[in-house]
Amino acid sequence: METVNVRDVRVLLPDDEEDTHTTWPHADTLTKAALSHSAYSSVDLAGHRWNNVKISRVVFTDCRFTGLIVNQAELTDVLFRDCVFDYAHLTWLRSVSGVAFTGCRFTETVFESCDLSGVAMDGCRLAGVQFDGTRVDGCDLRGSSVEDVVGVLSMRKARIDADQIPNLMASVMAELGWKVDH
C-alpha cells in the first residue's frame, strides 16, 4: 500500500495495478455512486453534478472541476493534484480521512455546510472562496494563497501561515464591515 503525505495528512493511494483514466467513464451526473481505487488524469469534469457520492482511494491529477456541483459527498483517501475548482459549489462535502489538495485553484468556489476537518490544502490558490457553515477544524491551509475569502469567521481552528494573516484579516474586516480611517 503506497501512501503520500501532504503536510500532516497521510493519503492512502490506489493500488499500483489500477489504470489511470484520461477520460471520464461515468455519466455527467453521478447519483448514489461509489468511486474507488482509481486514478484520473487531465479529465474535464466541468459542469458535472455529484449527488450522494462516496469516493475512496482515488487520485485526480490536472483535472478540471469548473462549475462542479456536489450535493453530499464523502471522501476517504482522496488526493487532488493541480486541479481547478473555479466556480464549483460543494454542499455537504465531508472528509472522512486522508484528503489533500496540492497546487489546486479555487476561484469563487463555495463550500456550503461541508466538513473539511483534517484536510490539507498545500500550494493552492483560494481567491474569493466562500465558507458557508463549513467546519475546518485542523484544515491545513499553510502554503496556500488566500484572497478575499468570505465566511472567514467560520474558519475556526484552521492551520495557517503567518504570511496569510494580512489577507485573512482583510477578509475579517470586510466581513465585519470595519472601516479604517487614515
Protein backbone atom coordinates (compact mmCIF):
# COMPACT_ATOMS: atom_id res chain seq x y z
CA MET A 1 0.00 0.00 0.00
CA GLU A 2 1.54 3.21 -1.17
CA THR A 3 0.87 6.45 0.68
CA VAL A 4 1.70 10.10 0.17
CA ASN A 5 1.98 12.73 2.87
CA VAL A 6 0.75 16.28 2.31
CA ARG A 7 1.67 18.37 5.34
CA ASP A 8 0.35 16.23 8.23
CA VAL A 9 -2.21 14.35 6.13
CA ARG A 10 -1.47 10.80 5.03
CA VAL A 11 -3.33 9.69 1.89
CA LEU A 12 -3.59 6.00 1.03
CA LEU A 13 -3.24 5.76 -2.76
CA PRO A 14 -4.97 3.32 -5.12
CA ASP A 15 -3.18 0.08 -5.91
CA ASP A 16 -0.38 0.28 -8.48
CA GLU A 17 -2.14 -2.07 -10.87
CA GLU A 18 -5.03 0.36 -11.33
CA ASP A 19 -5.05 2.16 -14.69
CA THR A 20 -5.05 5.93 -14.92
CA HIS A 21 -8.15 7.14 -16.75
CA THR A 22 -7.77 10.06 -19.16
CA THR A 23 -11.49 10.18 -19.92
CA TRP A 24 -14.43 10.09 -17.54
CA PRO A 25 -16.02 6.62 -17.68
CA HIS A 26 -19.22 7.72 -15.90
CA ALA A 27 -22.24 9.91 -16.66
CA ASP A 28 -22.05 13.69 -16.16
CA THR A 29 -24.43 13.25 -13.23
CA LEU A 30 -23.49 10.73 -10.55
CA THR A 31 -26.18 9.77 -8.05
CA LYS A 32 -25.68 7.32 -5.19
CA ALA A 33 -22.40 6.22 -6.74
CA ALA A 34 -19.12 4.98 -5.33
CA LEU A 35 -15.74 5.68 -6.92
CA SER A 36 -12.80 3.75 -5.53
CA HIS A 37 -9.30 2.51 -6.28
CA SER A 38 -8.75 4.61 -9.39
CA ALA A 39 -6.76 7.48 -10.82
CA TYR A 40 -7.83 10.19 -13.27
CA SER A 41 -5.51 12.48 -15.20
CA SER A 42 -6.39 15.55 -17.31
CA VAL A 43 -10.09 14.72 -17.19
CA ASP A 44 -12.60 17.51 -17.84
CA LEU A 45 -15.41 17.32 -15.27
CA ALA A 46 -16.65 20.88 -15.78
CA GLY A 47 -20.35 21.28 -15.08
CA HIS A 48 -20.77 17.78 -13.68
CA ARG A 49 -23.17 17.01 -10.81
CA TRP A 50 -22.44 14.58 -8.00
CA ASN A 51 -25.26 13.63 -5.62
CA ASN A 52 -24.69 11.35 -2.64
CA VAL A 53 -21.29 10.08 -3.84
CA LYS A 54 -18.63 8.16 -1.91
CA ILE A 55 -15.05 8.45 -3.14
CA SER A 56 -12.20 6.43 -1.66
CA ARG A 57 -8.59 5.80 -2.65
CA VAL A 58 -8.78 7.98 -5.75
CA VAL A 59 -6.22 10.37 -7.23
CA PHE A 60 -7.23 13.23 -9.53
CA THR A 61 -4.32 14.91 -11.36
CA ASP A 62 -4.66 18.01 -13.53
CA CYS A 63 -8.45 17.61 -13.72
CA ARG A 64 -10.93 20.41 -14.37
CA PHE A 65 -13.88 20.66 -11.96
CA THR A 66 -15.04 24.13 -13.09
CA GLY A 67 -18.68 24.64 -12.09
CA LEU A 68 -18.90 21.20 -10.45
CA ILE A 69 -21.98 20.88 -8.26
CA VAL A 70 -21.73 18.46 -5.35
CA ASN A 71 -24.68 17.67 -3.12
CA GLN A 72 -23.46 15.28 -0.45
CA ALA A 73 -20.15 13.52 -0.93
CA GLU A 74 -17.93 11.54 1.39
CA LEU A 75 -14.17 11.47 0.72
CA THR A 76 -11.70 8.95 2.15
CA ASP A 77 -8.07 8.85 1.00
CA VAL A 78 -8.51 11.20 -1.96
CA LEU A 79 -5.72 13.27 -3.48
CA PHE A 80 -6.31 16.19 -5.86
CA ARG A 81 -3.14 17.40 -7.65
CA ASP A 82 -3.10 20.56 -9.78
CA CYS A 83 -6.87 20.56 -10.28
CA VAL A 84 -9.16 23.53 -11.00
CA PHE A 85 -12.33 24.03 -8.93
CA ASP A 86 -13.30 27.50 -10.17
CA TYR A 87 -16.96 28.38 -9.55
CA ALA A 88 -17.71 24.95 -8.06
CA HIS A 89 -20.50 24.68 -5.46
CA LEU A 90 -19.81 21.98 -2.89
CA THR A 91 -22.60 21.20 -0.42
CA TRP A 92 -22.36 18.60 2.33
CA LEU A 93 -18.88 17.51 1.24
CA ARG A 94 -17.33 15.53 4.09
CA SER A 95 -13.74 14.48 4.57
CA VAL A 96 -13.57 11.21 6.48
CA SER A 97 -9.76 10.90 6.44
CA GLY A 98 -6.73 11.36 4.25
CA VAL A 99 -7.94 14.14 1.92
CA ALA A 100 -5.46 16.55 0.34
CA PHE A 101 -5.37 19.21 -2.37
CA THR A 102 -1.97 20.21 -3.78
CA GLY A 103 -1.46 23.00 -6.28
CA CYS A 104 -5.20 23.35 -6.88
CA ARG A 105 -7.08 26.53 -7.79
CA PHE A 106 -10.35 27.57 -6.16
CA THR A 107 -11.79 30.79 -7.63
CA GLU A 108 -15.14 31.83 -6.17
CA THR A 109 -15.72 28.27 -5.03
CA VAL A 110 -18.49 27.80 -2.46
CA PHE A 111 -18.12 25.32 0.40
CA GLU A 112 -21.58 25.10 1.97
CA SER A 113 -22.24 23.00 5.10
CA CYS A 114 -19.08 20.99 4.44
CA ASP A 115 -16.73 19.28 6.88
CA LEU A 116 -13.14 19.90 5.80
CA SER A 117 -11.68 18.89 9.16
CA GLY A 118 -8.22 17.45 8.78
CA VAL A 119 -7.94 18.31 5.06
CA ALA A 120 -4.63 19.65 3.70
CA MET A 121 -4.63 22.39 1.05
CA ASP A 122 -0.98 22.92 0.14
CA GLY A 123 0.17 25.30 -2.57
CA CYS A 124 -3.42 26.04 -3.53
CA ARG A 125 -4.93 29.37 -4.59
CA LEU A 126 -8.13 30.30 -2.78
CA ALA A 127 -9.50 33.51 -4.32
CA GLY A 128 -12.97 34.72 -3.41
CA VAL A 129 -13.76 31.35 -1.84
CA GLN A 130 -16.86 31.24 0.36
CA PHE A 131 -17.09 29.11 3.50
CA ASP A 132 -20.77 28.98 4.47
CA GLY A 133 -21.41 26.93 7.62
CA THR A 134 -18.34 24.84 6.88
CA ARG A 135 -16.27 23.15 9.57
CA VAL A 136 -12.49 23.41 9.12
CA ASP A 137 -11.09 22.04 12.40
CA GLY A 138 -7.45 21.26 11.68
CA CYS A 139 -7.79 22.08 7.97
CA ASP A 140 -4.23 22.93 6.96
CA LEU A 141 -4.11 25.96 4.66
CA ARG A 142 -0.37 26.58 5.10
CA GLY A 143 1.43 27.19 1.85
CA SER A 144 -1.71 28.33 0.04
CA SER A 145 -2.68 31.84 -1.03
CA VAL A 146 -5.91 33.19 0.44
CA GLU A 147 -7.51 36.30 -1.04
CA ASP A 148 -10.95 37.81 -0.47
CA VAL A 149 -12.23 34.81 1.48
CA VAL A 150 -15.89 35.07 2.50
CA GLY A 151 -17.01 33.39 5.71
CA VAL A 152 -13.57 33.63 7.27
CA LEU A 153 -15.17 34.00 10.72
CA SER A 154 -16.44 30.43 10.47
CA MET A 155 -12.92 29.11 9.83
CA ARG A 156 -12.27 28.19 13.44
CA LYS A 157 -9.22 26.04 14.20
CA ALA A 158 -7.77 26.15 10.67
CA ARG A 159 -3.96 26.00 10.45
CA ILE A 160 -2.40 28.95 8.64
CA ASP A 161 0.97 30.57 7.96
CA ALA A 162 1.90 33.96 9.40
CA ASP A 163 2.10 35.41 5.88
CA GLN A 164 -1.59 34.55 5.32
CA ILE A 165 -2.72 36.73 8.23
CA PRO A 166 -2.87 40.09 6.35
CA ASN A 167 -5.18 38.72 3.62
CA LEU A 168 -7.34 36.83 6.12
CA MET A 169 -7.51 39.91 8.36
CA ALA A 170 -8.66 41.98 5.38
CA SER A 171 -11.42 39.40 4.89
CA VAL A 172 -12.37 39.63 8.58
CA MET A 173 -12.55 43.42 8.32
CA ALA A 174 -14.73 43.20 5.20
CA GLU A 175 -17.00 40.64 6.85
CA LEU A 176 -17.43 42.78 9.96
CA GLY A 177 -17.88 45.95 7.91
CA TRP A 178 -14.96 47.69 9.58
CA LYS A 179 -13.71 50.92 8.05
CA VAL A 180 -10.20 52.18 8.76
CA ASP A 181 -9.71 55.94 8.87
CA HIS A 182 -6.26 57.21 7.93
